PDB file of N, CA and C in Angstrom:
ATOM      1  N   UNK A   1     -21.626 -12.653 -24.942  1.00  0.00           N
ATOM      2  CA  UNK A   1     -22.885 -12.864 -23.848  1.00  0.00           C
ATOM      3  C   UNK A   1     -23.979 -13.511 -24.550  1.00  0.00           C
ATOM      4  N   UNK A   2     -25.004 -13.708 -23.554  1.00  0.00           N
ATOM      5  CA  UNK A   2     -26.104 -14.355 -24.149  1.00  0.00           C
ATOM      6  C   UNK A   2     -25.826 -16.063 -25.008  1.00  0.00           C
ATOM      7  N   UNK A   3     -24.936 -16.273 -24.698  1.00  0.00           N
ATOM      8  CA  UNK A   3     -24.499 -18.004 -24.839  1.00  0.00           C
ATOM      9  C   UNK A   3     -24.497 -19.068 -23.820  1.00  0.00           C
ATOM     10  N   UNK A   4     -24.810 -20.007 -24.330  1.00  0.00           N
ATOM     11  CA  UNK A   4     -24.725 -21.141 -23.262  1.00  0.00           C
ATOM     12  C   UNK A   4     -23.087 -21.806 -23.081  1.00  0.00           C
ATOM     13  N   UNK A   5     -22.662 -21.755 -21.738  1.00  0.00           N
ATOM     14  CA  UNK A   5     -21.903 -22.489 -21.980  1.00  0.00           C
ATOM     15  C   UNK A   5     -20.822 -21.077 -20.657  1.00  0.00           C
ATOM     16  N   UNK A   6     -19.523 -21.715 -21.230  1.00  0.00           N
ATOM     17  CA  UNK A   6     -18.332 -20.836 -20.595  1.00  0.00           C
ATOM     18  C   UNK A   6     -18.244 -19.661 -21.578  1.00  0.00           C
ATOM     19  N   UNK A   7     -17.964 -18.549 -20.776  1.00  0.00           N
ATOM     20  CA  UNK A   7     -17.775 -17.121 -21.153  1.00  0.00           C
ATOM     21  C   UNK A   7     -16.450 -17.117 -22.471  1.00  0.00           C
ATOM     22  N   UNK A   8     -15.403 -17.870 -21.241  1.00  0.00           N
ATOM     23  CA  UNK A   8     -14.406 -17.629 -22.330  1.00  0.00           C
ATOM     24  C   UNK A   8     -13.785 -18.970 -22.451  1.00  0.00           C
ATOM     25  N   UNK A   9     -13.992 -18.983 -23.766  1.00  0.00           N
ATOM     26  CA  UNK A   9     -13.757 -20.796 -24.688  1.00  0.00           C
ATOM     27  C   UNK A   9     -12.071 -20.816 -24.429  1.00  0.00           C
ATOM     28  N   UNK A  10     -11.820 -22.337 -23.875  1.00  0.00           N
ATOM     29  CA  UNK A  10      -9.989 -22.059 -23.957  1.00  0.00           C
ATOM     30  C   UNK A  10      -9.456 -23.551 -24.761  1.00  0.00           C
ATOM     31  N   UNK A  11      -8.604 -23.490 -25.227  1.00  0.00           N
ATOM     32  CA  UNK A  11      -7.711 -24.815 -26.068  1.00  0.00           C
ATOM     33  C   UNK A  11      -7.997 -25.715 -24.433  1.00  0.00           C
ATOM     34  N   UNK A  12      -7.128 -26.754 -25.279  1.00  0.00           N
ATOM     35  CA  UNK A  12      -7.144 -27.804 -24.461  1.00  0.00           C
ATOM     36  C   UNK A  12      -5.606 -27.487 -23.623  1.00  0.00           C
ATOM     37  N   UNK A  13      -4.879 -26.970 -24.535  1.00  0.00           N
ATOM     38  CA  UNK A  13      -3.515 -26.457 -23.847  1.00  0.00           C
ATOM     39  C   UNK A  13      -3.737 -25.394 -22.592  1.00  0.00           C
ATOM     40  N   UNK A  14      -4.217 -24.586 -22.795  1.00  0.00           N
ATOM     41  CA  UNK A  14      -5.158 -23.496 -21.530  1.00  0.00           C
ATOM     42  C   UNK A  14      -5.674 -24.172 -20.884  1.00  0.00           C
ATOM     43  N   UNK A  15      -6.271 -25.093 -20.741  1.00  0.00           N
ATOM     44  CA  UNK A  15      -7.281 -25.678 -19.924  1.00  0.00           C
ATOM     45  C   UNK A  15      -6.639 -26.310 -18.698  1.00  0.00           C
ATOM     46  N   UNK A  16      -5.303 -26.918 -19.032  1.00  0.00           N
ATOM     47  CA  UNK A  16      -4.188 -27.368 -18.325  1.00  0.00           C
ATOM     48  C   UNK A  16      -4.134 -25.891 -17.666  1.00  0.00           C
ATOM     49  N   UNK A  17      -3.295 -25.120 -18.236  1.00  0.00           N
ATOM     50  CA  UNK A  17      -2.983 -24.000 -17.445  1.00  0.00           C
ATOM     51  C   UNK A  17      -3.472 -23.084 -16.545  1.00  0.00           C
ATOM     52  N   UNK A  18      -4.742 -23.148 -16.597  1.00  0.00           N
ATOM     53  CA  UNK A  18      -6.186 -22.389 -16.116  1.00  0.00           C
ATOM     54  C   UNK A  18      -7.044 -23.041 -16.385  1.00  0.00           C
ATOM     55  N   UNK A  19      -7.276 -24.374 -15.276  1.00  0.00           N
ATOM     56  CA  UNK A  19      -8.301 -24.983 -15.316  1.00  0.00           C
ATOM     57  C   UNK A  19      -9.795 -24.676 -14.836  1.00  0.00           C
ATOM     58  N   UNK A  20     -10.089 -23.491 -15.337  1.00  0.00           N
ATOM     59  CA  UNK A  20     -11.348 -23.001 -15.094  1.00  0.00           C
ATOM     60  C   UNK A  20     -12.562 -22.496 -15.848  1.00  0.00           C
ATOM     61  N   UNK A  21     -13.675 -22.832 -15.135  1.00  0.00           N
ATOM     62  CA  UNK A  21     -14.702 -22.526 -16.328  1.00  0.00           C
ATOM     63  C   UNK A  21     -15.231 -20.796 -16.057  1.00  0.00           C
ATOM     64  N   UNK A  22     -15.054 -19.988 -16.703  1.00  0.00           N
ATOM     65  CA  UNK A  22     -15.446 -18.640 -16.668  1.00  0.00           C
ATOM     66  C   UNK A  22     -17.145 -18.076 -17.030  1.00  0.00           C
ATOM     67  N   UNK A  23     -17.683 -17.845 -15.958  1.00  0.00           N
ATOM     68  CA  UNK A  23     -19.102 -17.263 -15.751  1.00  0.00           C
ATOM     69  C   UNK A  23     -18.788 -15.731 -15.749  1.00  0.00           C
ATOM     70  N   UNK A  24     -18.937 -14.438 -16.359  1.00  0.00           N
ATOM     71  CA  UNK A  24     -18.775 -13.486 -16.240  1.00  0.00           C
ATOM     72  C   UNK A  24     -20.161 -12.867 -15.871  1.00  0.00           C
ATOM     73  N   UNK A  25     -19.754 -11.722 -15.256  1.00  0.00           N
ATOM     74  CA  UNK A  25     -21.221 -11.297 -15.394  1.00  0.00           C
ATOM     75  C   UNK A  25     -20.585  -9.513 -15.180  1.00  0.00           C
ATOM     76  N   UNK A  26     -21.373  -8.526 -15.916  1.00  0.00           N
ATOM     77  CA  UNK A  26     -21.287  -7.292 -15.740  1.00  0.00           C
ATOM     78  C   UNK A  26     -22.790  -6.748 -15.344  1.00  0.00           C
ATOM     79  N   UNK A  27     -23.317  -6.330 -13.970  1.00  0.00           N
ATOM     80  CA  UNK A  27     -24.538  -6.322 -14.117  1.00  0.00           C
ATOM     81  C   UNK A  27     -24.377  -5.078 -12.532  1.00  0.00           C
ATOM     82  N   UNK A  28     -25.254  -4.206 -12.162  1.00  0.00           N
ATOM     83  CA  UNK A  28     -25.955  -3.825 -11.421  1.00  0.00           C
ATOM     84  C   UNK A  28     -26.331  -4.262 -10.027  1.00  0.00           C
ATOM     85  N   UNK A  29     -26.759  -5.156  -9.877  1.00  0.00           N
ATOM     86  CA  UNK A  29     -27.580  -6.172  -9.558  1.00  0.00           C
ATOM     87  C   UNK A  29     -27.299  -7.389  -9.684  1.00  0.00           C
ATOM     88  N   UNK A  30     -26.764  -8.186  -8.511  1.00  0.00           N
ATOM     89  CA  UNK A  30     -26.446  -9.985  -9.082  1.00  0.00           C
ATOM     90  C   UNK A  30     -27.082 -10.380  -8.186  1.00  0.00           C
ATOM     91  N   UNK A  31     -26.933 -11.490  -8.917  1.00  0.00           N
ATOM     92  CA  UNK A  31     -27.823 -13.177  -7.576  1.00  0.00           C
ATOM     93  C   UNK A  31     -26.462 -13.386  -7.279  1.00  0.00           C
ATOM     94  N   UNK A  32     -25.919 -13.114  -6.402  1.00  0.00           N
ATOM     95  CA  UNK A  32     -24.581 -14.096  -6.100  1.00  0.00           C
ATOM     96  C   UNK A  32     -24.856 -15.973  -6.321  1.00  0.00           C
ATOM     97  N   UNK A  33     -25.673 -16.126  -5.766  1.00  0.00           N
ATOM     98  CA  UNK A  33     -25.822 -17.490  -5.456  1.00  0.00           C
ATOM     99  C   UNK A  33     -26.349 -17.903  -7.193  1.00  0.00           C
ATOM    100  N   UNK A  34     -26.994 -17.427  -7.689  1.00  0.00           N
ATOM    101  CA  UNK A  34     -27.864 -17.764  -9.008  1.00  0.00           C
ATOM    102  C   UNK A  34     -26.566 -17.507 -10.061  1.00  0.00           C
ATOM    103  N   UNK A  35     -25.714 -16.807  -9.791  1.00  0.00           N
ATOM    104  CA  UNK A  35     -24.426 -16.695 -10.846  1.00  0.00           C
ATOM    105  C   UNK A  35     -23.552 -18.323 -10.339  1.00  0.00           C
ATOM    106  N   UNK A  36     -23.411 -18.321  -9.393  1.00  0.00           N
ATOM    107  CA  UNK A  36     -22.550 -19.356  -8.895  1.00  0.00           C
ATOM    108  C   UNK A  36     -22.822 -20.433  -9.351  1.00  0.00           C
ATOM    109  N   UNK A  37     -24.396 -20.986  -9.377  1.00  0.00           N
ATOM    110  CA  UNK A  37     -24.980 -22.007  -9.765  1.00  0.00           C
ATOM    111  C   UNK A  37     -24.721 -22.051 -11.296  1.00  0.00           C
ATOM    112  N   UNK A  38     -25.011 -21.034 -12.051  1.00  0.00           N
ATOM    113  CA  UNK A  38     -24.530 -20.863 -13.268  1.00  0.00           C
ATOM    114  C   UNK A  38     -23.416 -21.334 -13.473  1.00  0.00           C
ATOM    115  N   UNK A  39     -22.671 -20.676 -13.200  1.00  0.00           N
ATOM    116  CA  UNK A  39     -20.713 -21.370 -13.280  1.00  0.00           C
ATOM    117  C   UNK A  39     -20.531 -22.704 -13.122  1.00  0.00           C
ATOM    118  N   UNK A  40     -20.990 -23.354 -11.888  1.00  0.00           N
ATOM    119  CA  UNK A  40     -21.599 -24.720 -11.383  1.00  0.00           C
ATOM    120  C   UNK A  40     -22.058 -25.403 -12.396  1.00  0.00           C
ATOM    121  N   UNK A  41     -22.283 -25.156 -13.228  1.00  0.00           N
ATOM    122  CA  UNK A  41     -23.361 -26.073 -13.952  1.00  0.00           C
ATOM    123  C   UNK A  41     -22.516 -27.847 -14.344  1.00  0.00           C
ATOM    124  N   UNK A  42     -23.284 -28.492 -14.535  1.00  0.00           N
ATOM    125  CA  UNK A  42     -23.008 -29.930 -14.532  1.00  0.00           C
ATOM    126  C   UNK A  42     -22.454 -30.050 -15.896  1.00  0.00           C
ATOM    127  N   UNK A  43     -22.953 -29.715 -17.060  1.00  0.00           N
ATOM    128  CA  UNK A  43     -22.463 -29.738 -18.248  1.00  0.00           C
ATOM    129  C   UNK A  43     -20.846 -28.804 -18.798  1.00  0.00           C
ATOM    130  N   UNK A  44     -20.388 -28.068 -17.301  1.00  0.00           N
ATOM    131  CA  UNK A  44     -18.924 -27.462 -17.162  1.00  0.00           C
ATOM    132  C   UNK A  44     -18.120 -28.597 -16.946  1.00  0.00           C
ATOM    133  N   UNK A  45     -16.761 -28.944 -17.632  1.00  0.00           N
ATOM    134  CA  UNK A  45     -15.735 -30.299 -17.056  1.00  0.00           C
ATOM    135  C   UNK A  45     -14.644 -29.388 -16.083  1.00  0.00           C
ATOM    136  N   UNK A  46     -14.427 -27.732 -16.142  1.00  0.00           N
ATOM    137  CA  UNK A  46     -13.467 -27.820 -15.835  1.00  0.00           C
ATOM    138  C   UNK A  46     -14.115 -26.999 -13.848  1.00  0.00           C
ATOM    139  N   UNK A  47     -13.223 -26.385 -13.052  1.00  0.00           N
ATOM    140  CA  UNK A  47     -13.673 -25.223 -11.939  1.00  0.00           C
ATOM    141  C   UNK A  47     -14.332 -24.386 -12.407  1.00  0.00           C
ATOM    142  N   UNK A  48     -15.592 -24.296 -11.653  1.00  0.00           N
ATOM    143  CA  UNK A  48     -16.268 -22.685 -11.605  1.00  0.00           C
ATOM    144  C   UNK A  48     -15.320 -21.505 -11.319  1.00  0.00           C
ATOM    145  N   UNK A  49     -15.360 -20.478 -12.115  1.00  0.00           N
ATOM    146  CA  UNK A  49     -14.908 -19.605 -11.802  1.00  0.00           C
ATOM    147  C   UNK A  49     -15.853 -17.987 -11.858  1.00  0.00           C
ATOM    148  N   UNK A  50     -16.451 -17.635 -10.971  1.00  0.00           N
ATOM    149  CA  UNK A  50     -17.193 -16.642 -11.235  1.00  0.00           C
ATOM    150  C   UNK A  50     -16.940 -15.081 -11.529  1.00  0.00           C
ATOM    151  N   UNK A  51     -16.458 -14.289 -12.381  1.00  0.00           N
ATOM    152  CA  UNK A  51     -16.222 -12.859 -12.453  1.00  0.00           C
ATOM    153  C   UNK A  51     -17.050 -12.030 -12.422  1.00  0.00           C
ATOM    154  N   UNK A  52     -17.292 -11.023 -11.905  1.00  0.00           N
ATOM    155  CA  UNK A  52     -18.335  -9.947 -12.150  1.00  0.00           C
ATOM    156  C   UNK A  52     -17.747  -8.321 -11.658  1.00  0.00           C
ATOM    157  N   UNK A  53     -18.815  -8.054 -12.071  1.00  0.00           N
ATOM    158  CA  UNK A  53     -18.803  -6.411 -11.848  1.00  0.00           C
ATOM    159  C   UNK A  53     -19.493  -5.449 -12.098  1.00  0.00           C
ATOM    160  N   UNK A  54     -19.316  -4.183 -11.801  1.00  0.00           N
ATOM    161  CA  UNK A  54     -20.800  -3.437 -11.785  1.00  0.00           C
ATOM    162  C   UNK A  54     -20.170  -2.252 -12.163  1.00  0.00           C
ATOM    163  N   UNK A  55     -20.794  -1.472 -13.131  1.00  0.00           N
ATOM    164  CA  UNK A  55     -20.284  -0.146 -13.497  1.00  0.00           C
ATOM    165  C   UNK A  55     -19.396   0.561 -12.633  1.00  0.00           C
ATOM    166  N   UNK A  56     -18.556   1.467 -12.786  1.00  0.00           N
ATOM    167  CA  UNK A  56     -17.320   2.012 -12.024  1.00  0.00           C
ATOM    168  C   UNK A  56     -17.423   1.155 -11.036  1.00  0.00           C
ATOM    169  N   UNK A  57     -16.826  -0.335 -11.069  1.00  0.00           N
ATOM    170  CA  UNK A  57     -16.414  -1.257 -10.236  1.00  0.00           C
ATOM    171  C   UNK A  57     -15.106  -1.669 -10.203  1.00  0.00           C
ATOM    172  N   UNK A  58     -14.384  -2.374  -9.485  1.00  0.00           N
ATOM    173  CA  UNK A  58     -13.735  -3.103  -9.721  1.00  0.00           C
ATOM    174  C   UNK A  58     -13.777  -4.217  -9.762  1.00  0.00           C
ATOM    175  N   UNK A  59     -12.777  -5.162 -10.340  1.00  0.00           N
ATOM    176  CA  UNK A  59     -13.642  -6.658 -11.027  1.00  0.00           C
ATOM    177  C   UNK A  59     -13.299  -7.587  -9.853  1.00  0.00           C
ATOM    178  N   UNK A  60     -14.201  -8.185  -9.536  1.00  0.00           N
ATOM    179  CA  UNK A  60     -14.174  -9.678  -8.699  1.00  0.00           C
ATOM    180  C   UNK A  60     -14.335 -10.861  -9.014  1.00  0.00           C
ATOM    181  N   UNK A  61     -13.962 -11.439  -8.566  1.00  0.00           N
ATOM    182  CA  UNK A  61     -13.968 -13.162  -8.663  1.00  0.00           C
ATOM    183  C   UNK A  61     -14.497 -14.051  -7.570  1.00  0.00           C
ATOM    184  N   UNK A  62     -15.062 -15.302  -7.791  1.00  0.00           N
ATOM    185  CA  UNK A  62     -15.673 -16.064  -6.272  1.00  0.00           C
ATOM    186  C   UNK A  62     -15.153 -17.366  -7.173  1.00  0.00           C
ATOM    187  N   UNK A  63     -14.662 -18.446  -6.260  1.00  0.00           N
ATOM    188  CA  UNK A  63     -14.699 -19.512  -6.851  1.00  0.00           C
ATOM    189  C   UNK A  63     -14.597 -20.585  -5.807  1.00  0.00           C
ATOM    190  N   UNK A  64     -14.761 -21.854  -5.516  1.00  0.00           N
ATOM    191  CA  UNK A  64     -14.987 -22.552  -4.381  1.00  0.00           C
ATOM    192  C   UNK A  64     -13.391 -22.045  -3.316  1.00  0.00           C
ATOM    193  N   UNK A  65     -13.793 -22.474  -2.317  1.00  0.00           N
ATOM    194  CA  UNK A  65     -13.539 -22.500  -0.945  1.00  0.00           C
ATOM    195  C   UNK A  65     -11.874 -23.248  -0.948  1.00  0.00           C
ATOM    196  N   UNK A  66     -12.152 -24.987  -1.969  1.00  0.00           N
ATOM    197  CA  UNK A  66     -11.257 -25.846  -1.453  1.00  0.00           C
ATOM    198  C   UNK A  66     -10.339 -25.430  -3.310  1.00  0.00           C
ATOM    199  N   UNK A  67     -10.934 -24.620  -4.097  1.00  0.00           N
ATOM    200  CA  UNK A  67      -9.999 -24.653  -5.503  1.00  0.00           C
ATOM    201  C   UNK A  67      -9.352 -23.568  -4.942  1.00  0.00           C
ATOM    202  N   UNK A  68      -9.736 -22.116  -4.239  1.00  0.00           N
ATOM    203  CA  UNK A  68      -8.805 -21.269  -4.185  1.00  0.00           C
ATOM    204  C   UNK A  68      -7.812 -21.848  -3.039  1.00  0.00           C
ATOM    205  N   UNK A  69      -7.700 -22.608  -2.067  1.00  0.00           N
ATOM    206  CA  UNK A  69      -6.610 -23.340  -1.048  1.00  0.00           C
ATOM    207  C   UNK A  69      -5.888 -23.866  -2.261  1.00  0.00           C
ATOM    208  N   UNK A  70      -6.396 -24.443  -3.233  1.00  0.00           N
ATOM    209  CA  UNK A  70      -5.133 -25.180  -3.842  1.00  0.00           C
ATOM    210  C   UNK A  70      -4.655 -24.099  -4.865  1.00  0.00           C
ATOM    211  N   UNK A  71      -5.024 -23.166  -4.996  1.00  0.00           N
ATOM    212  CA  UNK A  71      -4.112 -22.201  -5.463  1.00  0.00           C
ATOM    213  C   UNK A  71      -3.254 -21.474  -5.201  1.00  0.00           C
ATOM    214  N   UNK A  72      -3.438 -21.158  -3.458  1.00  0.00           N
ATOM    215  CA  UNK A  72      -2.600 -20.214  -2.611  1.00  0.00           C
ATOM    216  C   UNK A  72      -1.703 -21.561  -2.022  1.00  0.00           C
ATOM    217  N   UNK A  73      -2.052 -22.884  -2.083  1.00  0.00           N
ATOM    218  CA  UNK A  73      -0.886 -23.608  -1.386  1.00  0.00           C
ATOM    219  C   UNK A  73       0.470 -23.375  -1.807  1.00  0.00           C
ATOM    220  N   UNK A  74       1.437 -23.409  -0.716  1.00  0.00           N
ATOM    221  CA  UNK A  74       2.758 -23.392  -1.446  1.00  0.00           C
ATOM    222  C   UNK A  74       3.095 -25.559  -1.806  1.00  0.00           C
ATOM    223  N   UNK A  75       4.065 -25.140  -2.980  1.00  0.00           N
ATOM    224  CA  UNK A  75       4.588 -26.301  -3.519  1.00  0.00           C
ATOM    225  C   UNK A  75       5.648 -26.454  -3.203  1.00  0.00           C
ATOM    226  N   UNK A  76       6.392 -27.927  -2.980  1.00  0.00           N
ATOM    227  CA  UNK A  76       7.538 -27.947  -2.365  1.00  0.00           C
ATOM    228  C   UNK A  76       8.545 -27.716  -3.190  1.00  0.00           C
ATOM    229  N   UNK A  77       9.871 -27.446  -3.117  1.00  0.00           N
ATOM    230  CA  UNK A  77      10.884 -27.412  -4.223  1.00  0.00           C
ATOM    231  C   UNK A  77      10.553 -28.382  -5.026  1.00  0.00           C
ATOM    232  N   UNK A  78      11.094 -27.650  -6.202  1.00  0.00           N
ATOM    233  CA  UNK A  78      11.481 -28.980  -7.234  1.00  0.00           C
ATOM    234  C   UNK A  78      12.732 -29.075  -7.240  1.00  0.00           C
TER     235      UNK A  78
END
């Protein structure tokens, strides 16, 4: 926390399996648009993923809709 860049540092191999740049927030009041802008910073090379929660709540995530569709689309049988 409090460090510029990704909140989770991934190795090159891990980045291929999980191609997301994670911005994590644990705040009672979150500015979703500001947090998304921070996650989508130009310095980050991977797809932006915002993970957020507040006290006594579930953990949620937000990502670009196109990235979500890419995750859920069926892959053809190989």
